[in-house]
């Protein structure tokens, strides 16, 4: 992990061992904006030493348990709560605030280049070939529907406290595209039912292409028959 966490009763202290993406400043900026525009959705920023070596921030500690496939299966009502949290996150910032944000680390265009590099070293097969054919025409430019992106679609970054779902981990946060952010959650390695997530989060323009991108990334990175089948299905969808 690129950070260390120390928990106290009501606070969490995060020390950043990586500064490649200006992680501490990204997280502090996102938490400050969310405290103003979507209070209660994310940890509250308390104090920071952004120029220290290593940088550090202190935030409020949120109660709750991280989401995951088993919890979502046993509590179906969590899917709408997850969708509510994601959409609130995406819709909370004014246009001017979004425009001032730097692009999130690992934005869609950067991810496309990562997937192309992974494909170059992948063993041939039906799913790999389908990825290659799609990559030949794939393109992701500037966001058509800008939102605040967390930079990580891991389900464990969503906490359920028994009533609501809230969001943590903003060290790669920045301006992103709505379709890409939804796809990152739907196709993340932590999810085992992407169709259920997609149904809960809803369709938006560009979502299928973004899902193809993220499904290809996880398949080429982690392999597996199920992920290969997912890629093949998405490449022939629509």
C-alpha atoms as a PDB file:
ATOM      1  CA  UNK A   1       0.000   0.000   0.000  1.00  0.00           C
ATOM      2  CA  UNK A   2       1.273   3.519  -0.822  1.00  0.00           C
ATOM      3  CA  UNK A   3       0.246   4.845   2.586  1.00  0.00           C
ATOM      4  CA  UNK A   4       0.135   4.080   6.304  1.00  0.00           C
ATOM      5  CA  UNK A   5      -2.998   4.464   8.415  1.00  0.00           C
ATOM      6  CA  UNK A   6      -3.275   4.989  12.158  1.00  0.00           C
ATOM      7  CA  UNK A   7      -6.769   4.870  13.647  1.00  0.00           C
ATOM      8  CA  UNK A   8      -7.936   6.612  16.789  1.00  0.00           C
ATOM      9  CA  UNK A   9     -11.424   6.672  18.232  1.00  0.00           C
ATOM     10  CA  UNK A  10     -12.729   9.480  16.019  1.00  0.00           C
ATOM     11  CA  UNK A  11      -9.862  10.209  13.634  1.00  0.00           C
ATOM     12  CA  UNK A  12      -7.673   8.501  11.061  1.00  0.00           C
ATOM     13  CA  UNK A  13      -4.142   9.660  10.248  1.00  0.00           C
ATOM     14  CA  UNK A  14      -2.897   8.844   6.761  1.00  0.00           C
ATOM     15  CA  UNK A  15       0.806   9.103   5.899  1.00  0.00           C
ATOM     16  CA  UNK A  16       1.705   8.851   2.225  1.00  0.00           C
ATOM     17  CA  UNK A  17       4.717   6.781   1.236  1.00  0.00           C
ATOM     18  CA  UNK A  18       4.107   7.605  -2.423  1.00  0.00           C
ATOM     19  CA  UNK A  19       4.017  11.125  -3.818  1.00  0.00           C
ATOM     20  CA  UNK A  20       4.119  10.222  -7.517  1.00  0.00           C
ATOM     21  CA  UNK A  21       0.575  11.458  -8.103  1.00  0.00           C
ATOM     22  CA  UNK A  22       0.583  14.123  -5.361  1.00  0.00           C
ATOM     23  CA  UNK A  23      -1.660  11.765  -3.417  1.00  0.00           C
ATOM     24  CA  UNK A  24      -1.921  13.712  -0.179  1.00  0.00           C
ATOM     25  CA  UNK A  25      -2.879  16.955  -1.906  1.00  0.00           C
ATOM     26  CA  UNK A  26      -5.414  15.162  -4.095  1.00  0.00           C
ATOM     27  CA  UNK A  27      -7.080  13.571  -1.095  1.00  0.00           C
ATOM     28  CA  UNK A  28      -7.085  16.747   0.989  1.00  0.00           C
ATOM     29  CA  UNK A  29      -8.573  18.725  -1.903  1.00  0.00           C
ATOM     30  CA  UNK A  30     -11.327  16.146  -2.469  1.00  0.00           C
ATOM     31  CA  UNK A  31     -12.218  15.879   1.223  1.00  0.00           C
ATOM     32  CA  UNK A  32     -12.354  19.671   1.550  1.00  0.00           C
ATOM     33  CA  UNK A  33     -14.664  19.993  -1.442  1.00  0.00           C
ATOM     34  CA  UNK A  34     -16.910  17.175  -0.262  1.00  0.00           C
ATOM     35  CA  UNK A  35     -17.162  18.617   3.244  1.00  0.00           C
ATOM     36  CA  UNK A  36     -18.501  21.792   1.632  1.00  0.00           C
ATOM     37  CA  UNK A  37     -20.718  20.348  -1.093  1.00  0.00           C
ATOM     38  CA  UNK A  38     -21.712  16.857   0.158  1.00  0.00           C
ATOM     39  CA  UNK A  39     -21.258  16.836   3.946  1.00  0.00           C
ATOM     40  CA  UNK A  40     -21.399  13.386   5.505  1.00  0.00           C
ATOM     41  CA  UNK A  41     -20.576  11.516   2.306  1.00  0.00           C
ATOM     42  CA  UNK A  42     -16.839  11.225   3.025  1.00  0.00           C
ATOM     43  CA  UNK A  43     -14.455  11.721   5.952  1.00  0.00           C
ATOM     44  CA  UNK A  44     -14.210  15.271   7.220  1.00  0.00           C
ATOM     45  CA  UNK A  45     -10.764  16.870   6.756  1.00  0.00           C
ATOM     46  CA  UNK A  46      -9.206  17.802  10.103  1.00  0.00           C
ATOM     47  CA  UNK A  47      -5.629  18.941   9.464  1.00  0.00           C
ATOM     48  CA  UNK A  48      -2.804  18.311   7.026  1.00  0.00           C
ATOM     49  CA  UNK A  49       0.950  18.579   6.532  1.00  0.00           C
ATOM     50  CA  UNK A  50       1.016  18.463   2.749  1.00  0.00           C
ATOM     51  CA  UNK A  51       4.582  19.675   2.340  1.00  0.00           C
ATOM     52  CA  UNK A  52       6.052  17.412   5.014  1.00  0.00           C
ATOM     53  CA  UNK A  53       8.250  14.450   4.099  1.00  0.00           C
ATOM     54  CA  UNK A  54       6.306  12.229   4.054  1.00  0.00           C
ATOM     55  CA  UNK A  55       3.036  14.192   3.727  1.00  0.00           C
ATOM     56  CA  UNK A  56       0.235  13.472   6.154  1.00  0.00           C
ATOM     57  CA  UNK A  57      -3.438  14.276   6.630  1.00  0.00           C
ATOM     58  CA  UNK A  58      -5.832  13.684   9.501  1.00  0.00           C
ATOM     59  CA  UNK A  59      -9.498  13.040   8.743  1.00  0.00           C
ATOM     60  CA  UNK A  60     -12.533  11.971  10.711  1.00  0.00           C
ATOM     61  CA  UNK A  61     -12.978   8.224  11.084  1.00  0.00           C
ATOM     62  CA  UNK A  62     -16.140   6.892   9.493  1.00  0.00           C
ATOM     63  CA  UNK A  63     -18.051   3.994  11.033  1.00  0.00           C
ATOM     64  CA  UNK A  64     -19.104   1.053   8.912  1.00  0.00           C
ATOM     65  CA  UNK A  65     -17.973  -2.068   7.117  1.00  0.00           C
ATOM     66  CA  UNK A  66     -16.564  -2.165   3.582  1.00  0.00           C
ATOM     67  CA  UNK A  67     -18.790  -3.418   0.808  1.00  0.00           C
ATOM     68  CA  UNK A  68     -17.957  -6.599  -1.040  1.00  0.00           C
ATOM     69  CA  UNK A  69     -19.692  -9.321  -3.064  1.00  0.00           C
ATOM     70  CA  UNK A  70     -20.836 -11.345  -0.056  1.00  0.00           C
ATOM     71  CA  UNK A  71     -22.301  -8.327   1.740  1.00  0.00           C
ATOM     72  CA  UNK A  72     -24.075  -7.138  -1.413  1.00  0.00           C
ATOM     73  CA  UNK A  73     -25.562 -10.603  -1.975  1.00  0.00           C
ATOM     74  CA  UNK A  74     -26.816 -10.893   1.601  1.00  0.00           C
ATOM     75  CA  UNK A  75     -28.201  -7.340   1.725  1.00  0.00           C
ATOM     76  CA  UNK A  76     -29.825  -6.530  -1.652  1.00  0.00           C
ATOM     77  CA  UNK A  77     -30.936  -3.112  -0.404  1.00  0.00           C
ATOM     78  CA  UNK A  78     -27.291  -2.052  -0.383  1.00  0.00           C
ATOM     79  CA  UNK A  79     -27.152  -1.714  -4.172  1.00  0.00           C
ATOM     80  CA  UNK A  80     -29.514   1.292  -4.235  1.00  0.00           C
ATOM     81  CA  UNK A  81     -27.611   2.831  -1.320  1.00  0.00           C
ATOM     82  CA  UNK A  82     -24.328   2.353  -3.179  1.00  0.00           C
ATOM     83  CA  UNK A  83     -25.838   3.957  -6.278  1.00  0.00           C
ATOM     84  CA  UNK A  84     -27.118   6.862  -4.183  1.00  0.00           C
ATOM     85  CA  UNK A  85     -23.633   7.473  -2.773  1.00  0.00           C
ATOM     86  CA  UNK A  86     -21.959   7.256  -6.195  1.00  0.00           C
ATOM     87  CA  UNK A  87     -24.445   9.623  -7.839  1.00  0.00           C
ATOM     88  CA  UNK A  88     -24.242  12.084  -4.969  1.00  0.00           C
ATOM     89  CA  UNK A  89     -20.470  12.078  -5.319  1.00  0.00           C
ATOM     90  CA  UNK A  90     -20.691  12.677  -9.059  1.00  0.00           C
ATOM     91  CA  UNK A  91     -23.343  15.381  -8.896  1.00  0.00           C
ATOM     92  CA  UNK A  92     -22.269  17.415  -5.866  1.00  0.00           C
ATOM     93  CA  UNK A  93     -19.647  19.790  -7.261  1.00  0.00           C
ATOM     94  CA  UNK A  94     -20.496  22.997  -9.113  1.00  0.00           C
ATOM     95  CA  UNK A  95     -19.223  23.232 -12.672  1.00  0.00           C
ATOM     96  CA  UNK A  96     -16.648  25.876 -11.745  1.00  0.00           C
ATOM     97  CA  UNK A  97     -15.169  23.702  -8.983  1.00  0.00           C
ATOM     98  CA  UNK A  98     -14.910  20.740 -11.342  1.00  0.00           C
ATOM     99  CA  UNK A  99     -13.178  22.841 -13.973  1.00  0.00           C
ATOM    100  CA  UNK A 100     -10.433  23.792 -11.497  1.00  0.00           C
ATOM    101  CA  UNK A 101      -9.623  20.194 -10.593  1.00  0.00           C
ATOM    102  CA  UNK A 102      -6.681  18.375 -12.172  1.00  0.00           C
ATOM    103  CA  UNK A 103      -7.522  15.190 -14.023  1.00  0.00           C
ATOM    104  CA  UNK A 104      -7.626  12.184 -11.760  1.00  0.00           C
ATOM    105  CA  UNK A 105      -4.649   9.854 -11.711  1.00  0.00           C
ATOM    106  CA  UNK A 106      -5.226   6.952 -14.086  1.00  0.00           C
ATOM    107  CA  UNK A 107      -7.879   8.726 -16.173  1.00  0.00           C
ATOM    108  CA  UNK A 108      -9.477   6.942 -19.114  1.00  0.00           C
ATOM    109  CA  UNK A 109      -6.936   7.971 -21.752  1.00  0.00           C
ATOM    110  CA  UNK A 110      -4.053   6.937 -19.500  1.00  0.00           C
ATOM    111  CA  UNK A 111      -5.776   3.631 -18.735  1.00  0.00           C
ATOM    112  CA  UNK A 112      -6.147   2.944 -22.444  1.00  0.00           C
ATOM    113  CA  UNK A 113      -2.374   3.173 -22.838  1.00  0.00           C
ATOM    114  CA  UNK A 114      -1.895   0.804 -19.891  1.00  0.00           C
ATOM    115  CA  UNK A 115      -4.268  -1.711 -21.490  1.00  0.00           C
ATOM    116  CA  UNK A 116      -2.433  -1.447 -24.814  1.00  0.00           C
ATOM    117  CA  UNK A 117       0.858  -2.185 -23.059  1.00  0.00           C
ATOM    118  CA  UNK A 118      -0.627  -5.174 -21.210  1.00  0.00           C
ATOM    119  CA  UNK A 119      -2.048  -6.524 -24.458  1.00  0.00           C
ATOM    120  CA  UNK A 120       1.389  -6.543 -26.086  1.00  0.00           C
ATOM    121  CA  UNK A 121       2.625  -9.199 -23.657  1.00  0.00           C
ATOM    122  CA  UNK A 122      -0.586 -11.251 -23.327  1.00  0.00           C
ATOM    123  CA  UNK A 123      -0.781 -14.864 -24.475  1.00  0.00           C
ATOM    124  CA  UNK A 124      -2.982 -15.287 -27.581  1.00  0.00           C
ATOM    125  CA  UNK A 125      -6.552 -16.464 -27.101  1.00  0.00           C
ATOM    126  CA  UNK A 126     -10.109 -15.538 -27.976  1.00  0.00           C
ATOM    127  CA  UNK A 127     -10.479 -12.842 -25.299  1.00  0.00           C
ATOM    128  CA  UNK A 128      -7.003 -11.428 -25.959  1.00  0.00           C
ATOM    129  CA  UNK A 129      -7.754 -11.293 -29.681  1.00  0.00           C
ATOM    130  CA  UNK A 130     -11.070  -9.563 -29.000  1.00  0.00           C
ATOM    131  CA  UNK A 131      -9.241  -7.003 -26.844  1.00  0.00           C
ATOM    132  CA  UNK A 132      -6.739  -6.410 -29.618  1.00  0.00           C
ATOM    133  CA  UNK A 133      -9.434  -5.859 -32.224  1.00  0.00           C
ATOM    134  CA  UNK A 134     -11.228  -3.395 -29.950  1.00  0.00           C
ATOM    135  CA  UNK A 135      -8.025  -1.583 -29.038  1.00  0.00           C
ATOM    136  CA  UNK A 136      -7.416  -0.869 -32.710  1.00  0.00           C
ATOM    137  CA  UNK A 137     -10.260   1.640 -32.739  1.00  0.00           C
ATOM    138  CA  UNK A 138     -10.578   2.609 -29.078  1.00  0.00           C
ATOM    139  CA  UNK A 139     -10.184   6.257 -28.121  1.00  0.00           C
ATOM    140  CA  UNK A 140     -10.814   8.198 -24.924  1.00  0.00           C
ATOM    141  CA  UNK A 141     -10.389  11.949 -24.948  1.00  0.00           C
ATOM    142  CA  UNK A 142     -11.479  14.774 -22.691  1.00  0.00           C
ATOM    143  CA  UNK A 143     -14.472  14.136 -20.482  1.00  0.00           C
ATOM    144  CA  UNK A 144     -17.871  14.763 -22.019  1.00  0.00           C
ATOM    145  CA  UNK A 145     -19.618  14.591 -18.639  1.00  0.00           C
ATOM    146  CA  UNK A 146     -17.120  15.669 -15.983  1.00  0.00           C
ATOM    147  CA  UNK A 147     -17.486  14.482 -12.393  1.00  0.00           C
ATOM    148  CA  UNK A 148     -15.328  14.164  -9.307  1.00  0.00           C
ATOM    149  CA  UNK A 149     -13.602  10.807  -9.651  1.00  0.00           C
ATOM    150  CA  UNK A 150     -12.231   8.932  -6.648  1.00  0.00           C
ATOM    151  CA  UNK A 151      -9.483   7.224  -8.652  1.00  0.00           C
ATOM    152  CA  UNK A 152     -10.315   3.766  -7.288  1.00  0.00           C
ATOM    153  CA  UNK A 153     -13.467   1.727  -7.897  1.00  0.00           C
ATOM    154  CA  UNK A 154     -12.739  -0.899  -5.238  1.00  0.00           C
ATOM    155  CA  UNK A 155     -15.956  -1.822  -3.412  1.00  0.00           C
ATOM    156  CA  UNK A 156     -13.984  -1.782  -0.157  1.00  0.00           C
ATOM    157  CA  UNK A 157     -13.821   2.010  -0.500  1.00  0.00           C
ATOM    158  CA  UNK A 158     -17.552   2.193   0.178  1.00  0.00           C
ATOM    159  CA  UNK A 159     -18.557   1.814   3.820  1.00  0.00           C
ATOM    160  CA  UNK A 160     -22.002   0.819   5.068  1.00  0.00           C
ATOM    161  CA  UNK A 161     -22.876   1.908   8.592  1.00  0.00           C
ATOM    162  CA  UNK A 162     -26.255   0.168   8.693  1.00  0.00           C
ATOM    163  CA  UNK A 163     -28.076   3.186   7.304  1.00  0.00           C
ATOM    164  CA  UNK A 164     -26.086   4.811   4.528  1.00  0.00           C
ATOM    165  CA  UNK A 165     -23.125   4.136   2.247  1.00  0.00           C
ATOM    166  CA  UNK A 166     -20.234   6.569   2.371  1.00  0.00           C
ATOM    167  CA  UNK A 167     -16.983   6.887   0.447  1.00  0.00           C
ATOM    168  CA  UNK A 168     -13.315   6.771   1.464  1.00  0.00           C
ATOM    169  CA  UNK A 169      -9.912   6.822  -0.287  1.00  0.00           C
ATOM    170  CA  UNK A 170      -9.393   9.860  -2.523  1.00  0.00           C
ATOM    171  CA  UNK A 171      -5.626   9.776  -3.016  1.00  0.00           C
ATOM    172  CA  UNK A 172      -5.986   9.563  -6.822  1.00  0.00           C
ATOM    173  CA  UNK A 173      -9.032  11.829  -7.017  1.00  0.00           C
ATOM    174  CA  UNK A 174      -9.622  14.505  -9.612  1.00  0.00           C
ATOM    175  CA  UNK A 175     -11.767  15.463 -12.568  1.00  0.00           C
ATOM    176  CA  UNK A 176     -12.963  12.446 -14.498  1.00  0.00           C
ATOM    177  CA  UNK A 177     -15.733  11.229 -16.780  1.00  0.00           C
ATOM    178  CA  UNK A 178     -19.000   9.840 -15.418  1.00  0.00           C
ATOM    179  CA  UNK A 179     -19.019   6.772 -17.666  1.00  0.00           C
ATOM    180  CA  UNK A 180     -15.439   5.875 -16.763  1.00  0.00           C
ATOM    181  CA  UNK A 181     -16.092   6.267 -13.039  1.00  0.00           C
ATOM    182  CA  UNK A 182     -19.156   4.029 -13.198  1.00  0.00           C
ATOM    183  CA  UNK A 183     -17.291   1.454 -15.282  1.00  0.00           C
ATOM    184  CA  UNK A 184     -14.438   1.386 -12.794  1.00  0.00           C
ATOM    185  CA  UNK A 185     -16.847   0.319 -10.042  1.00  0.00           C
ATOM    186  CA  UNK A 186     -18.840  -2.097 -12.224  1.00  0.00           C
ATOM    187  CA  UNK A 187     -15.829  -3.926 -13.665  1.00  0.00           C
ATOM    188  CA  UNK A 188     -13.492  -3.750 -10.669  1.00  0.00           C
ATOM    189  CA  UNK A 189     -11.757  -6.926  -9.543  1.00  0.00           C
ATOM    190  CA  UNK A 190     -13.587  -6.626  -6.202  1.00  0.00           C
ATOM    191  CA  UNK A 191     -16.998  -7.130  -7.888  1.00  0.00           C
ATOM    192  CA  UNK A 192     -18.375 -10.500  -8.925  1.00  0.00           C
ATOM    193  CA  UNK A 193     -21.752  -9.393 -10.350  1.00  0.00           C
ATOM    194  CA  UNK A 194     -21.110  -6.529 -12.767  1.00  0.00           C
ATOM    195  CA  UNK A 195     -24.550  -6.761 -14.313  1.00  0.00           C
ATOM    196  CA  UNK A 196     -26.224  -6.157 -10.948  1.00  0.00           C
ATOM    197  CA  UNK A 197     -23.963  -3.182 -10.327  1.00  0.00           C
ATOM    198  CA  UNK A 198     -24.636  -1.823 -13.803  1.00  0.00           C
ATOM    199  CA  UNK A 199     -28.393  -2.135 -13.302  1.00  0.00           C
ATOM    200  CA  UNK A 200     -28.174  -0.301  -9.978  1.00  0.00           C
ATOM    201  CA  UNK A 201     -25.877   2.479 -11.186  1.00  0.00           C
ATOM    202  CA  UNK A 202     -27.746   3.078 -14.442  1.00  0.00           C
ATOM    203  CA  UNK A 203     -26.713   3.580 -18.036  1.00  0.00           C
ATOM    204  CA  UNK A 204     -25.012   6.715 -19.346  1.00  0.00           C
ATOM    205  CA  UNK A 205     -23.508   7.594 -22.739  1.00  0.00           C
ATOM    206  CA  UNK A 206     -20.134   5.946 -23.223  1.00  0.00           C
ATOM    207  CA  UNK A 207     -20.608   3.379 -20.465  1.00  0.00           C
ATOM    208  CA  UNK A 208     -20.224   0.315 -22.686  1.00  0.00           C
ATOM    209  CA  UNK A 209     -16.901   1.535 -24.086  1.00  0.00           C
ATOM    210  CA  UNK A 210     -15.677   2.401 -20.598  1.00  0.00           C
ATOM    211  CA  UNK A 211     -16.729  -1.034 -19.329  1.00  0.00           C
ATOM    212  CA  UNK A 212     -14.830  -2.657 -22.192  1.00  0.00           C
ATOM    213  CA  UNK A 213     -11.763  -0.684 -21.169  1.00  0.00           C
ATOM    214  CA  UNK A 214     -11.898  -1.655 -17.509  1.00  0.00           C
ATOM    215  CA  UNK A 215     -12.887  -5.270 -18.151  1.00  0.00           C
ATOM    216  CA  UNK A 216      -9.936  -5.576 -20.540  1.00  0.00           C
ATOM    217  CA  UNK A 217      -7.608  -4.073 -17.955  1.00  0.00           C
ATOM    218  CA  UNK A 218      -8.543  -6.534 -15.225  1.00  0.00           C
ATOM    219  CA  UNK A 219      -8.551  -9.507 -17.593  1.00  0.00           C
ATOM    220  CA  UNK A 220      -5.134  -8.693 -19.047  1.00  0.00           C
ATOM    221  CA  UNK A 221      -3.730  -7.958 -15.608  1.00  0.00           C
ATOM    222  CA  UNK A 222      -5.247 -10.813 -13.587  1.00  0.00           C
ATOM    223  CA  UNK A 223      -6.477 -13.368 -16.123  1.00  0.00           C
ATOM    224  CA  UNK A 224      -9.164 -15.924 -15.307  1.00  0.00           C
ATOM    225  CA  UNK A 225     -11.880 -17.678 -17.295  1.00  0.00           C
ATOM    226  CA  UNK A 226     -14.695 -15.589 -15.854  1.00  0.00           C
ATOM    227  CA  UNK A 227     -12.966 -12.329 -16.741  1.00  0.00           C
ATOM    228  CA  UNK A 228     -12.193 -13.637 -20.235  1.00  0.00           C
ATOM    229  CA  UNK A 229     -15.863 -14.473 -20.740  1.00  0.00           C
ATOM    230  CA  UNK A 230     -16.835 -11.034 -19.472  1.00  0.00           C
ATOM    231  CA  UNK A 231     -14.547  -9.386 -22.005  1.00  0.00           C
ATOM    232  CA  UNK A 232     -15.933 -11.488 -24.859  1.00  0.00           C
ATOM    233  CA  UNK A 233     -19.494 -10.679 -23.849  1.00  0.00           C
ATOM    234  CA  UNK A 234     -18.833  -6.943 -23.617  1.00  0.00           C
ATOM    235  CA  UNK A 235     -16.982  -6.845 -26.941  1.00  0.00           C
ATOM    236  CA  UNK A 236     -19.995  -8.306 -28.731  1.00  0.00           C
ATOM    237  CA  UNK A 237     -22.625  -6.297 -26.800  1.00  0.00           C
ATOM    238  CA  UNK A 238     -24.506  -3.356 -28.230  1.00  0.00           C
END
